[in-house]
N, C-alpha and C. Protein backbone atom coordinates (compact mmCIF):
# COMPACT_ATOMS: atom_id res chain seq x y z
N MET A 1 14.85 4.67 7.06
CA MET A 1 14.25 5.63 8.01
C MET A 1 13.16 4.93 8.82
N LYS A 2 13.04 5.29 10.06
CA LYS A 2 12.03 4.68 10.93
C LYS A 2 10.79 5.57 10.93
N TYR A 3 9.66 5.01 10.49
CA TYR A 3 8.41 5.79 10.47
C TYR A 3 7.57 5.46 11.66
N ILE A 4 6.74 6.44 12.07
CA ILE A 4 5.90 6.23 13.24
C ILE A 4 4.41 6.26 12.93
N SER A 5 4.02 6.86 11.80
CA SER A 5 2.65 6.91 11.43
C SER A 5 2.44 6.91 9.91
N VAL A 6 1.22 6.56 9.53
CA VAL A 6 0.81 6.58 8.15
C VAL A 6 -0.63 7.08 7.98
N ALA A 7 -0.82 7.89 6.95
CA ALA A 7 -2.16 8.34 6.62
C ALA A 7 -2.42 8.03 5.15
N PHE A 8 -3.62 7.61 4.84
CA PHE A 8 -4.02 7.27 3.48
C PHE A 8 -5.10 8.23 2.98
N SER A 9 -5.04 8.55 1.68
CA SER A 9 -6.09 9.36 1.06
C SER A 9 -6.04 9.07 -0.44
N PRO A 10 -7.11 9.50 -1.17
CA PRO A 10 -7.02 9.38 -2.58
C PRO A 10 -5.89 10.16 -3.18
N SER A 11 -5.33 9.63 -4.23
CA SER A 11 -4.16 10.31 -4.87
C SER A 11 -4.63 11.43 -5.79
N SER A 12 -3.86 12.48 -5.80
CA SER A 12 -4.12 13.53 -6.79
C SER A 12 -3.17 13.40 -8.01
N SER A 13 -2.28 12.43 -7.98
CA SER A 13 -1.36 12.22 -9.06
C SER A 13 -2.13 11.45 -10.20
N LYS A 14 -1.91 11.88 -11.37
CA LYS A 14 -2.57 11.30 -12.58
C LYS A 14 -2.15 9.85 -12.69
N GLY A 15 -3.18 8.99 -12.80
CA GLY A 15 -2.97 7.59 -13.01
C GLY A 15 -2.75 6.78 -11.73
N LYS A 16 -2.74 7.45 -10.58
CA LYS A 16 -2.54 6.71 -9.28
C LYS A 16 -3.85 6.70 -8.46
N ARG A 17 -4.02 5.65 -7.72
CA ARG A 17 -5.29 5.44 -6.98
C ARG A 17 -5.20 6.05 -5.54
N LEU A 18 -4.15 5.76 -4.79
CA LEU A 18 -4.06 6.16 -3.41
C LEU A 18 -2.76 6.86 -3.09
N LYS A 19 -2.77 7.59 -2.02
CA LYS A 19 -1.57 8.25 -1.51
C LYS A 19 -1.39 7.85 -0.08
N ALA A 20 -0.13 7.56 0.30
CA ALA A 20 0.27 7.30 1.68
C ALA A 20 1.22 8.34 2.10
N VAL A 21 1.04 8.89 3.25
CA VAL A 21 2.00 9.84 3.86
C VAL A 21 2.59 9.22 5.08
N LEU A 22 3.84 8.88 5.06
CA LEU A 22 4.56 8.30 6.19
C LEU A 22 5.28 9.39 6.93
N ARG A 23 5.17 9.38 8.25
CA ARG A 23 5.83 10.39 9.09
C ARG A 23 6.85 9.71 10.03
N SER A 24 8.05 10.33 10.07
CA SER A 24 9.07 9.82 10.98
C SER A 24 9.02 10.51 12.34
N ALA A 25 9.77 10.02 13.26
CA ALA A 25 9.82 10.60 14.60
C ALA A 25 10.30 12.05 14.65
N ASP A 26 11.16 12.40 13.68
CA ASP A 26 11.65 13.79 13.63
C ASP A 26 10.77 14.70 12.82
N GLY A 27 9.55 14.28 12.44
CA GLY A 27 8.59 15.09 11.75
C GLY A 27 8.70 15.10 10.24
N LYS A 28 9.68 14.46 9.67
CA LYS A 28 9.82 14.42 8.23
C LYS A 28 8.75 13.47 7.65
N THR A 29 8.30 13.84 6.45
CA THR A 29 7.29 12.97 5.81
C THR A 29 7.78 12.50 4.43
N LYS A 30 7.19 11.37 4.02
CA LYS A 30 7.45 10.79 2.71
C LYS A 30 6.07 10.47 2.14
N THR A 31 5.80 11.05 0.98
CA THR A 31 4.53 10.82 0.31
C THR A 31 4.76 9.86 -0.89
N ILE A 32 3.89 8.82 -0.95
CA ILE A 32 4.00 7.82 -2.02
C ILE A 32 2.62 7.63 -2.62
N ASN A 33 2.53 7.85 -3.90
CA ASN A 33 1.33 7.56 -4.68
C ASN A 33 1.48 6.20 -5.28
N PHE A 34 0.37 5.38 -5.17
CA PHE A 34 0.50 4.00 -5.60
C PHE A 34 -0.83 3.48 -6.13
N GLY A 35 -0.76 2.36 -6.82
CA GLY A 35 -1.92 1.70 -7.36
C GLY A 35 -2.44 2.38 -8.59
N SER A 36 -2.93 1.59 -9.55
CA SER A 36 -3.44 2.14 -10.77
C SER A 36 -4.82 2.71 -10.58
N ALA A 37 -5.03 3.91 -11.10
CA ALA A 37 -6.37 4.56 -10.98
C ALA A 37 -7.37 3.85 -11.88
N THR A 38 -6.90 3.18 -12.91
CA THR A 38 -7.84 2.59 -13.89
C THR A 38 -7.97 1.07 -13.70
N GLY A 39 -7.00 0.39 -13.14
CA GLY A 39 -7.02 -1.06 -13.01
C GLY A 39 -7.78 -1.47 -11.73
N GLN A 40 -8.06 -2.74 -11.66
CA GLN A 40 -8.67 -3.28 -10.44
C GLN A 40 -7.65 -4.08 -9.65
N SER A 41 -7.91 -4.16 -8.37
CA SER A 41 -7.02 -4.91 -7.48
C SER A 41 -7.89 -5.98 -6.73
N PHE A 42 -7.28 -6.71 -5.87
CA PHE A 42 -7.99 -7.74 -5.11
C PHE A 42 -9.14 -7.17 -4.29
N VAL A 43 -9.01 -5.94 -3.77
CA VAL A 43 -10.11 -5.36 -3.00
C VAL A 43 -11.28 -5.05 -3.90
N ASP A 44 -11.06 -4.99 -5.18
CA ASP A 44 -12.16 -4.71 -6.13
C ASP A 44 -12.79 -6.00 -6.64
N HIS A 45 -11.96 -6.87 -7.26
CA HIS A 45 -12.51 -8.07 -7.92
C HIS A 45 -12.56 -9.32 -7.06
N LYS A 46 -11.82 -9.38 -5.98
CA LYS A 46 -11.82 -10.49 -5.02
C LYS A 46 -11.58 -11.83 -5.68
N ASP A 47 -10.77 -11.82 -6.74
CA ASP A 47 -10.46 -13.01 -7.51
C ASP A 47 -9.09 -13.55 -7.06
N ALA A 48 -9.06 -14.68 -6.37
CA ALA A 48 -7.84 -15.28 -5.85
C ALA A 48 -6.85 -15.61 -6.91
N LYS A 49 -7.27 -16.04 -8.06
CA LYS A 49 -6.40 -16.40 -9.16
C LYS A 49 -5.72 -15.14 -9.69
N LYS A 50 -6.45 -14.07 -9.84
CA LYS A 50 -5.83 -12.80 -10.29
C LYS A 50 -4.85 -12.31 -9.27
N LYS A 51 -5.12 -12.50 -8.01
CA LYS A 51 -4.21 -12.10 -6.94
C LYS A 51 -2.89 -12.88 -7.05
N GLU A 52 -3.02 -14.19 -7.21
CA GLU A 52 -1.83 -15.01 -7.35
C GLU A 52 -1.01 -14.57 -8.56
N ALA A 53 -1.66 -14.24 -9.66
CA ALA A 53 -0.95 -13.85 -10.87
C ALA A 53 -0.26 -12.52 -10.65
N TRP A 54 -0.93 -11.59 -9.96
CA TRP A 54 -0.33 -10.26 -9.69
C TRP A 54 0.91 -10.43 -8.82
N ILE A 55 0.83 -11.27 -7.79
CA ILE A 55 1.93 -11.46 -6.89
C ILE A 55 3.08 -12.11 -7.68
N ALA A 56 2.81 -13.11 -8.46
CA ALA A 56 3.89 -13.77 -9.24
C ALA A 56 4.59 -12.83 -10.17
N ARG A 57 3.82 -11.90 -10.79
CA ARG A 57 4.44 -10.89 -11.68
C ARG A 57 5.30 -9.89 -10.96
N HIS A 58 4.90 -9.53 -9.75
CA HIS A 58 5.57 -8.42 -9.07
C HIS A 58 6.61 -8.82 -8.04
N LYS A 59 6.57 -10.05 -7.56
CA LYS A 59 7.48 -10.44 -6.50
C LYS A 59 8.95 -10.39 -6.92
N VAL A 60 9.23 -10.52 -8.22
CA VAL A 60 10.61 -10.49 -8.70
C VAL A 60 11.28 -9.15 -8.47
N ASN A 61 10.57 -8.10 -8.66
CA ASN A 61 11.12 -6.78 -8.63
C ASN A 61 10.82 -5.94 -7.38
N GLU A 62 10.05 -6.43 -6.46
CA GLU A 62 9.61 -5.63 -5.30
C GLU A 62 10.21 -6.07 -3.97
N ASN A 63 10.37 -5.14 -3.09
CA ASN A 63 10.80 -5.41 -1.73
C ASN A 63 9.59 -5.07 -0.84
N TRP A 64 8.84 -6.11 -0.49
CA TRP A 64 7.64 -5.96 0.30
C TRP A 64 7.86 -5.91 1.81
N SER A 65 9.13 -5.92 2.22
CA SER A 65 9.45 -5.93 3.64
C SER A 65 9.66 -4.49 4.16
N VAL A 66 9.47 -3.46 3.34
CA VAL A 66 9.65 -2.08 3.78
C VAL A 66 8.33 -1.34 3.51
N PRO A 67 8.03 -0.32 4.31
CA PRO A 67 6.77 0.32 4.18
C PRO A 67 6.73 1.46 3.17
N ASP A 68 7.86 1.86 2.65
CA ASP A 68 7.90 3.12 1.90
C ASP A 68 8.20 3.05 0.42
N THR A 69 7.67 2.01 -0.21
CA THR A 69 7.75 1.91 -1.65
C THR A 69 6.35 1.70 -2.21
N ALA A 70 6.12 2.16 -3.45
CA ALA A 70 4.85 2.01 -4.08
C ALA A 70 4.46 0.53 -4.26
N GLY A 71 5.41 -0.30 -4.53
CA GLY A 71 5.16 -1.71 -4.67
C GLY A 71 4.72 -2.36 -3.38
N SER A 72 5.38 -2.01 -2.30
CA SER A 72 5.03 -2.62 -1.03
C SER A 72 3.63 -2.08 -0.60
N LEU A 73 3.38 -0.84 -0.78
CA LEU A 73 2.05 -0.33 -0.42
C LEU A 73 0.97 -0.97 -1.28
N ALA A 74 1.18 -1.12 -2.60
CA ALA A 74 0.19 -1.75 -3.47
C ALA A 74 -0.10 -3.17 -2.98
N LYS A 75 1.00 -3.91 -2.68
CA LYS A 75 0.79 -5.32 -2.25
C LYS A 75 0.01 -5.39 -0.96
N HIS A 76 0.39 -4.60 0.05
CA HIS A 76 -0.19 -4.72 1.37
C HIS A 76 -1.59 -4.01 1.48
N ILE A 77 -1.81 -2.93 0.72
CA ILE A 77 -3.09 -2.23 0.83
C ILE A 77 -4.08 -2.71 -0.18
N LEU A 78 -3.69 -3.00 -1.43
CA LEU A 78 -4.65 -3.34 -2.49
C LEU A 78 -4.74 -4.83 -2.77
N TRP A 79 -3.80 -5.65 -2.33
CA TRP A 79 -3.77 -7.06 -2.71
C TRP A 79 -3.71 -8.01 -1.52
N GLU A 80 -3.75 -7.54 -0.27
CA GLU A 80 -3.59 -8.44 0.89
C GLU A 80 -4.86 -9.21 1.12
N THR A 81 -5.97 -8.54 1.42
CA THR A 81 -7.26 -9.14 1.65
C THR A 81 -8.27 -8.38 0.79
N THR A 82 -9.56 -8.75 0.88
CA THR A 82 -10.60 -8.09 0.11
C THR A 82 -11.09 -6.81 0.76
N SER A 83 -10.58 -6.44 1.91
CA SER A 83 -11.09 -5.29 2.64
C SER A 83 -9.99 -4.20 2.72
N LEU A 84 -10.22 -3.05 2.09
CA LEU A 84 -9.31 -1.93 2.10
C LEU A 84 -9.05 -1.44 3.55
N ALA A 85 -10.09 -1.34 4.34
CA ALA A 85 -9.96 -0.84 5.70
C ALA A 85 -9.14 -1.79 6.52
N ASN A 86 -9.40 -3.11 6.35
CA ASN A 86 -8.64 -4.14 7.10
C ASN A 86 -7.13 -4.09 6.68
N ASN A 87 -6.91 -3.94 5.38
CA ASN A 87 -5.55 -3.92 4.87
C ASN A 87 -4.72 -2.75 5.43
N LYS A 88 -5.39 -1.63 5.58
CA LYS A 88 -4.69 -0.47 6.19
C LYS A 88 -4.32 -0.77 7.62
N LYS A 89 -5.24 -1.42 8.42
CA LYS A 89 -4.89 -1.75 9.79
C LYS A 89 -3.77 -2.79 9.84
N LEU A 90 -3.79 -3.79 8.96
CA LEU A 90 -2.75 -4.82 8.89
C LEU A 90 -1.41 -4.21 8.54
N PHE A 91 -1.42 -3.31 7.61
CA PHE A 91 -0.19 -2.63 7.20
C PHE A 91 0.42 -1.84 8.36
N ALA A 92 -0.40 -1.06 9.05
CA ALA A 92 0.09 -0.29 10.18
C ALA A 92 0.65 -1.20 11.25
N ARG A 93 -0.03 -2.32 11.52
CA ARG A 93 0.47 -3.27 12.58
C ARG A 93 1.72 -3.93 12.14
N LYS A 94 1.80 -4.35 10.90
CA LYS A 94 3.02 -5.04 10.38
C LYS A 94 4.25 -4.18 10.51
N PHE A 95 4.11 -2.90 10.23
CA PHE A 95 5.29 -2.03 10.22
C PHE A 95 5.38 -1.13 11.47
N GLY A 96 4.55 -1.44 12.52
CA GLY A 96 4.59 -0.70 13.78
C GLY A 96 4.26 0.78 13.66
N LEU A 97 3.24 1.06 12.85
CA LEU A 97 2.85 2.47 12.62
C LEU A 97 1.51 2.83 13.23
N LYS A 98 1.34 4.06 13.61
CA LYS A 98 0.02 4.56 14.00
C LYS A 98 -0.69 4.88 12.74
N LEU A 99 -1.95 4.39 12.62
CA LEU A 99 -2.81 4.67 11.45
C LEU A 99 -3.58 5.92 11.70
N LEU A 100 -3.35 6.93 10.92
CA LEU A 100 -4.07 8.20 11.10
C LEU A 100 -5.25 8.31 10.15
């Protein structure tokens, strides 16, 4: 599905950190809760070795080339750079989305 926008907010799902709502041109939405509510990510600890280890563990099972999976969102939003705000902008630009 081709999405046109994304909005991020805290997740209300137990055990998840963030929620992304992707909207398509026909108005349909897909909500994805992602990230551990209790664990730390690169935006928290800023430890490059931990980032490399996380990527190595997850790259086998994830498709990071699509915007609508929890794994892709976690990688691009929580593990890309040390800035959550910057990661949201980079994610929107990478997938051609309007950031709401």
